[in-house]
Amino acid sequence: MADAVVLQELWTSLIGLLRSHLAALEISERLKDVQLEQPAETVLELRSAARTLHLQFTPQSGSGTWKLEEPGTTEQGGNWLLTEEAMVRFAEASVAIDMELAVEEFAAKLAA
């Protein structure tokens, strides 16, 4: 069974990495009007001028969901898993990646 305390701390670290990465994308003008909101401890909303990415996380299991909203398009979404080893596995991927690469994946969904 996963350690919920460790996973909660890793989730907090993931949020910090996302803040830094999104700020860098905004400075380089690859994203505009980026906002990061955390309406609940296990929910994160990332907004750009054109898209919104919703992330939800369950520290008891390490599982999460993502949902991308863009006006005029079909909503996209999927599942992901954060492990105690700071690795992330997206449901559609065959291998786990480290948190830094996962942050790049989440940011790419927002920036695409």
N, C-alpha and C. Protein backbone atom coordinates (compact mmCIF):
# COMPACT_ATOMS: atom_id res chain seq x y z
N MET A 1 0.84 -1.18 0.00
CA MET A 1 0.00 0.00 0.00
C MET A 1 0.89 1.25 0.00
N ALA A 2 0.50 2.25 -0.77
CA ALA A 2 1.25 3.49 -0.88
C ALA A 2 1.14 4.32 0.39
N ASP A 3 2.18 5.06 0.68
CA ASP A 3 2.21 5.94 1.84
C ASP A 3 1.60 7.28 1.44
N ALA A 4 0.40 7.58 1.94
CA ALA A 4 -0.33 8.78 1.56
C ALA A 4 0.42 10.06 1.92
N VAL A 5 1.17 10.06 3.01
CA VAL A 5 1.92 11.25 3.42
C VAL A 5 3.02 11.55 2.41
N VAL A 6 3.75 10.52 2.00
CA VAL A 6 4.80 10.69 0.99
C VAL A 6 4.20 11.17 -0.32
N LEU A 7 3.10 10.55 -0.73
CA LEU A 7 2.48 10.93 -1.99
C LEU A 7 1.93 12.35 -1.94
N GLN A 8 1.40 12.77 -0.80
CA GLN A 8 0.92 14.15 -0.65
C GLN A 8 2.08 15.13 -0.79
N GLU A 9 3.21 14.82 -0.21
CA GLU A 9 4.40 15.68 -0.34
C GLU A 9 4.89 15.73 -1.78
N LEU A 10 4.85 14.59 -2.47
CA LEU A 10 5.24 14.57 -3.88
C LEU A 10 4.28 15.39 -4.73
N TRP A 11 3.00 15.34 -4.41
CA TRP A 11 2.00 16.16 -5.11
C TRP A 11 2.32 17.64 -4.91
N THR A 12 2.67 18.02 -3.70
CA THR A 12 3.04 19.41 -3.42
C THR A 12 4.28 19.80 -4.24
N SER A 13 5.24 18.89 -4.35
CA SER A 13 6.43 19.13 -5.16
C SER A 13 6.08 19.27 -6.64
N LEU A 14 5.17 18.44 -7.10
CA LEU A 14 4.73 18.51 -8.49
C LEU A 14 4.10 19.86 -8.79
N ILE A 15 3.31 20.37 -7.87
CA ILE A 15 2.69 21.69 -8.04
C ILE A 15 3.77 22.77 -8.12
N GLY A 16 4.78 22.69 -7.27
CA GLY A 16 5.88 23.65 -7.32
C GLY A 16 6.63 23.61 -8.64
N LEU A 17 6.88 22.40 -9.13
CA LEU A 17 7.53 22.25 -10.43
C LEU A 17 6.67 22.84 -11.55
N LEU A 18 5.37 22.62 -11.48
CA LEU A 18 4.47 23.19 -12.48
C LEU A 18 4.50 24.71 -12.45
N ARG A 19 4.48 25.30 -11.25
CA ARG A 19 4.55 26.76 -11.13
C ARG A 19 5.80 27.31 -11.83
N SER A 20 6.93 26.70 -11.54
CA SER A 20 8.19 27.15 -12.13
C SER A 20 8.19 26.98 -13.64
N HIS A 21 7.75 25.83 -14.11
CA HIS A 21 7.77 25.55 -15.54
C HIS A 21 6.82 26.48 -16.30
N LEU A 22 5.63 26.70 -15.75
CA LEU A 22 4.67 27.58 -16.41
C LEU A 22 5.16 29.03 -16.43
N ALA A 23 5.82 29.45 -15.36
CA ALA A 23 6.39 30.81 -15.34
C ALA A 23 7.45 30.95 -16.43
N ALA A 24 8.28 29.94 -16.60
CA ALA A 24 9.30 29.99 -17.66
C ALA A 24 8.65 30.03 -19.04
N LEU A 25 7.59 29.28 -19.24
CA LEU A 25 6.89 29.30 -20.53
C LEU A 25 6.25 30.65 -20.79
N GLU A 26 5.76 31.28 -19.74
CA GLU A 26 5.15 32.60 -19.90
C GLU A 26 6.22 33.65 -20.21
N ILE A 27 7.35 33.59 -19.54
CA ILE A 27 8.44 34.53 -19.81
C ILE A 27 8.93 34.39 -21.25
N SER A 28 9.02 33.15 -21.72
CA SER A 28 9.48 32.91 -23.09
C SER A 28 8.35 33.12 -24.11
N GLU A 29 7.20 33.52 -23.64
CA GLU A 29 6.03 33.82 -24.46
C GLU A 29 5.48 32.62 -25.22
N ARG A 30 5.73 31.41 -24.71
CA ARG A 30 5.14 30.21 -25.30
C ARG A 30 3.72 29.99 -24.77
N LEU A 31 3.42 30.61 -23.62
CA LEU A 31 2.07 30.64 -23.06
C LEU A 31 1.77 32.07 -22.64
N LYS A 32 0.49 32.43 -22.69
CA LYS A 32 0.09 33.78 -22.27
C LYS A 32 -0.99 33.68 -21.20
N ASP A 33 -0.94 34.64 -20.31
CA ASP A 33 -1.96 34.75 -19.26
C ASP A 33 -2.15 33.46 -18.47
N VAL A 34 -1.06 32.89 -18.01
CA VAL A 34 -1.10 31.63 -17.26
C VAL A 34 -1.54 31.89 -15.82
N GLN A 35 -2.47 31.09 -15.36
CA GLN A 35 -2.92 31.14 -13.98
C GLN A 35 -2.93 29.73 -13.42
N LEU A 36 -2.50 29.59 -12.21
CA LEU A 36 -2.53 28.31 -11.52
C LEU A 36 -3.34 28.50 -10.26
N GLU A 37 -4.42 27.76 -10.14
CA GLU A 37 -5.29 27.86 -8.97
C GLU A 37 -5.42 26.49 -8.33
N GLN A 38 -5.50 26.49 -7.00
CA GLN A 38 -5.69 25.25 -6.26
C GLN A 38 -6.93 25.39 -5.39
N PRO A 39 -8.12 25.11 -5.97
CA PRO A 39 -9.36 25.28 -5.21
C PRO A 39 -9.54 24.29 -4.07
N ALA A 40 -8.81 23.19 -4.10
CA ALA A 40 -8.84 22.20 -3.02
C ALA A 40 -7.45 21.58 -2.94
N GLU A 41 -7.14 20.95 -1.82
CA GLU A 41 -5.80 20.40 -1.60
C GLU A 41 -5.38 19.41 -2.68
N THR A 42 -6.34 18.70 -3.24
CA THR A 42 -6.01 17.66 -4.23
C THR A 42 -6.49 18.01 -5.64
N VAL A 43 -6.78 19.28 -5.87
CA VAL A 43 -7.25 19.75 -7.18
C VAL A 43 -6.39 20.92 -7.62
N LEU A 44 -6.03 20.91 -8.90
CA LEU A 44 -5.23 21.98 -9.47
C LEU A 44 -5.83 22.36 -10.80
N GLU A 45 -5.95 23.67 -11.05
CA GLU A 45 -6.45 24.16 -12.34
C GLU A 45 -5.39 25.07 -12.94
N LEU A 46 -5.00 24.75 -14.17
CA LEU A 46 -4.02 25.53 -14.90
C LEU A 46 -4.74 26.18 -16.07
N ARG A 47 -4.66 27.50 -16.15
CA ARG A 47 -5.37 28.21 -17.21
C ARG A 47 -4.39 29.01 -18.05
N SER A 48 -4.55 28.92 -19.35
CA SER A 48 -3.85 29.81 -20.27
C SER A 48 -4.92 30.64 -20.96
N ALA A 49 -4.51 31.47 -21.89
CA ALA A 49 -5.49 32.29 -22.60
C ALA A 49 -6.50 31.44 -23.36
N ALA A 50 -6.10 30.24 -23.80
CA ALA A 50 -6.96 29.44 -24.65
C ALA A 50 -7.47 28.14 -24.04
N ARG A 51 -6.81 27.63 -23.00
CA ARG A 51 -7.14 26.30 -22.49
C ARG A 51 -7.14 26.26 -20.96
N THR A 52 -7.82 25.24 -20.44
CA THR A 52 -7.78 24.96 -19.00
C THR A 52 -7.48 23.49 -18.81
N LEU A 53 -6.49 23.22 -17.97
CA LEU A 53 -6.13 21.85 -17.62
C LEU A 53 -6.48 21.63 -16.15
N HIS A 54 -7.32 20.65 -15.90
CA HIS A 54 -7.72 20.30 -14.54
C HIS A 54 -6.96 19.04 -14.12
N LEU A 55 -6.33 19.10 -12.97
CA LEU A 55 -5.66 17.93 -12.41
C LEU A 55 -6.30 17.60 -11.07
N GLN A 56 -6.55 16.33 -10.85
CA GLN A 56 -7.06 15.87 -9.56
C GLN A 56 -6.15 14.74 -9.10
N PHE A 57 -5.92 14.67 -7.77
CA PHE A 57 -4.99 13.71 -7.21
C PHE A 57 -5.58 13.08 -5.96
N THR A 58 -5.36 11.78 -5.79
CA THR A 58 -5.79 11.05 -4.60
C THR A 58 -4.55 10.51 -3.89
N PRO A 59 -4.12 11.15 -2.79
CA PRO A 59 -2.88 10.75 -2.14
C PRO A 59 -2.92 9.34 -1.54
N GLN A 60 -4.08 8.82 -1.22
CA GLN A 60 -4.16 7.49 -0.64
C GLN A 60 -3.72 6.42 -1.63
N SER A 61 -3.92 6.67 -2.92
CA SER A 61 -3.57 5.68 -3.94
C SER A 61 -2.49 6.16 -4.91
N GLY A 62 -2.27 7.47 -4.95
CA GLY A 62 -1.33 8.04 -5.92
C GLY A 62 -1.94 8.24 -7.29
N SER A 63 -3.22 7.94 -7.43
CA SER A 63 -3.86 8.07 -8.74
C SER A 63 -4.37 9.49 -8.96
N GLY A 64 -4.43 9.84 -10.22
CA GLY A 64 -4.93 11.16 -10.58
C GLY A 64 -5.63 11.13 -11.92
N THR A 65 -6.32 12.21 -12.21
CA THR A 65 -6.95 12.39 -13.51
C THR A 65 -6.56 13.75 -14.06
N TRP A 66 -6.58 13.86 -15.38
CA TRP A 66 -6.40 15.15 -16.02
C TRP A 66 -7.51 15.35 -17.03
N LYS A 67 -7.92 16.60 -17.20
CA LYS A 67 -8.96 16.93 -18.16
C LYS A 67 -8.59 18.26 -18.79
N LEU A 68 -8.59 18.29 -20.11
CA LEU A 68 -8.24 19.49 -20.86
C LEU A 68 -9.49 20.05 -21.51
N GLU A 69 -9.74 21.33 -21.26
CA GLU A 69 -10.89 22.01 -21.86
C GLU A 69 -10.39 23.12 -22.77
N GLU A 70 -10.96 23.16 -23.97
CA GLU A 70 -10.66 24.23 -24.91
C GLU A 70 -11.96 24.53 -25.65
N PRO A 71 -12.39 25.79 -25.62
CA PRO A 71 -13.66 26.12 -26.28
C PRO A 71 -13.67 25.67 -27.74
N GLY A 72 -14.77 25.05 -28.14
CA GLY A 72 -14.94 24.64 -29.52
C GLY A 72 -14.32 23.30 -29.88
N THR A 73 -13.74 22.60 -28.91
CA THR A 73 -13.14 21.29 -29.19
C THR A 73 -13.71 20.25 -28.24
N THR A 74 -13.47 19.02 -28.58
CA THR A 74 -13.88 17.91 -27.72
C THR A 74 -12.97 17.84 -26.51
N GLU A 75 -13.56 17.68 -25.34
CA GLU A 75 -12.79 17.58 -24.11
C GLU A 75 -11.90 16.33 -24.13
N GLN A 76 -10.67 16.49 -23.67
CA GLN A 76 -9.74 15.37 -23.58
C GLN A 76 -9.45 15.09 -22.11
N GLY A 77 -9.05 13.87 -21.82
CA GLY A 77 -8.72 13.55 -20.44
C GLY A 77 -8.07 12.18 -20.33
N GLY A 78 -7.62 11.90 -19.14
CA GLY A 78 -6.99 10.62 -18.90
C GLY A 78 -6.62 10.44 -17.45
N ASN A 79 -5.95 9.35 -17.18
CA ASN A 79 -5.52 9.00 -15.83
C ASN A 79 -4.00 9.01 -15.75
N TRP A 80 -3.50 9.22 -14.54
CA TRP A 80 -2.07 9.18 -14.29
C TRP A 80 -1.85 8.65 -12.87
N LEU A 81 -0.65 8.20 -12.62
CA LEU A 81 -0.31 7.62 -11.32
C LEU A 81 1.03 8.17 -10.86
N LEU A 82 1.09 8.67 -9.63
CA LEU A 82 2.32 9.15 -9.01
C LEU A 82 2.79 8.10 -8.02
N THR A 83 4.05 7.69 -8.15
CA THR A 83 4.57 6.66 -7.25
C THR A 83 5.44 7.28 -6.16
N GLU A 84 5.71 6.51 -5.13
CA GLU A 84 6.57 6.96 -4.04
C GLU A 84 8.00 7.22 -4.49
N GLU A 85 8.35 6.72 -5.66
CA GLU A 85 9.69 6.94 -6.22
C GLU A 85 9.74 8.21 -7.07
N ALA A 86 8.70 9.04 -7.00
CA ALA A 86 8.59 10.30 -7.74
C ALA A 86 8.54 10.07 -9.25
N MET A 87 7.90 9.00 -9.64
CA MET A 87 7.69 8.68 -11.05
C MET A 87 6.20 8.83 -11.37
N VAL A 88 5.92 9.20 -12.61
CA VAL A 88 4.54 9.38 -13.06
C VAL A 88 4.31 8.46 -14.26
N ARG A 89 3.19 7.78 -14.23
CA ARG A 89 2.80 6.93 -15.36
C ARG A 89 1.44 7.42 -15.85
N PHE A 90 1.42 7.83 -17.12
CA PHE A 90 0.16 8.19 -17.76
C PHE A 90 -0.49 6.91 -18.28
N ALA A 91 -1.80 6.82 -18.19
CA ALA A 91 -2.51 5.60 -18.59
C ALA A 91 -2.19 5.21 -20.02
N GLU A 92 -1.99 6.20 -20.89
CA GLU A 92 -1.76 5.89 -22.29
C GLU A 92 -0.29 5.59 -22.60
N ALA A 93 0.59 5.67 -21.61
CA ALA A 93 2.02 5.42 -21.82
C ALA A 93 2.42 4.06 -21.25
N SER A 94 3.44 3.48 -21.84
CA SER A 94 3.88 2.16 -21.39
C SER A 94 4.97 2.22 -20.33
N VAL A 95 5.58 3.40 -20.15
CA VAL A 95 6.65 3.54 -19.16
C VAL A 95 6.37 4.72 -18.23
N ALA A 96 6.93 4.63 -17.04
CA ALA A 96 6.84 5.73 -16.08
C ALA A 96 7.95 6.73 -16.37
N ILE A 97 7.67 8.01 -16.11
CA ILE A 97 8.65 9.08 -16.31
C ILE A 97 8.83 9.83 -15.01
N ASP A 98 9.95 10.55 -14.88
CA ASP A 98 10.15 11.31 -13.64
C ASP A 98 9.23 12.53 -13.61
N MET A 99 9.11 13.14 -12.44
CA MET A 99 8.16 14.23 -12.26
C MET A 99 8.47 15.42 -13.16
N GLU A 100 9.73 15.71 -13.42
CA GLU A 100 10.08 16.83 -14.29
C GLU A 100 9.54 16.62 -15.70
N LEU A 101 9.66 15.42 -16.21
CA LEU A 101 9.11 15.12 -17.54
C LEU A 101 7.58 15.15 -17.52
N ALA A 102 6.99 14.70 -16.43
CA ALA A 102 5.53 14.74 -16.31
C ALA A 102 5.05 16.19 -16.32
N VAL A 103 5.77 17.08 -15.67
CA VAL A 103 5.43 18.50 -15.68
C VAL A 103 5.47 19.03 -17.11
N GLU A 104 6.48 18.63 -17.86
CA GLU A 104 6.56 19.04 -19.26
C GLU A 104 5.36 18.51 -20.06
N GLU A 105 4.93 17.28 -19.76
CA GLU A 105 3.77 16.71 -20.44
C GLU A 105 2.51 17.49 -20.11
N PHE A 106 2.30 17.82 -18.83
CA PHE A 106 1.13 18.59 -18.45
C PHE A 106 1.16 19.98 -19.10
N ALA A 107 2.31 20.63 -19.08
CA ALA A 107 2.44 21.96 -19.68
C ALA A 107 2.21 21.90 -21.19
N ALA A 108 2.68 20.84 -21.84
CA ALA A 108 2.47 20.70 -23.28
C ALA A 108 0.99 20.58 -23.62
N LYS A 109 0.23 19.94 -22.75
CA LYS A 109 -1.22 19.82 -22.98
C LYS A 109 -1.85 21.22 -22.94
N LEU A 110 -1.36 22.06 -22.05
CA LEU A 110 -1.89 23.40 -21.91
C LEU A 110 -1.44 24.30 -23.05
N ALA A 111 -0.22 24.11 -23.53
CA ALA A 111 0.37 25.00 -24.52
C ALA A 111 0.05 24.62 -25.96
N ALA A 112 -0.34 23.37 -26.20
CA ALA A 112 -0.52 22.90 -27.58
C ALA A 112 -1.56 23.69 -28.33
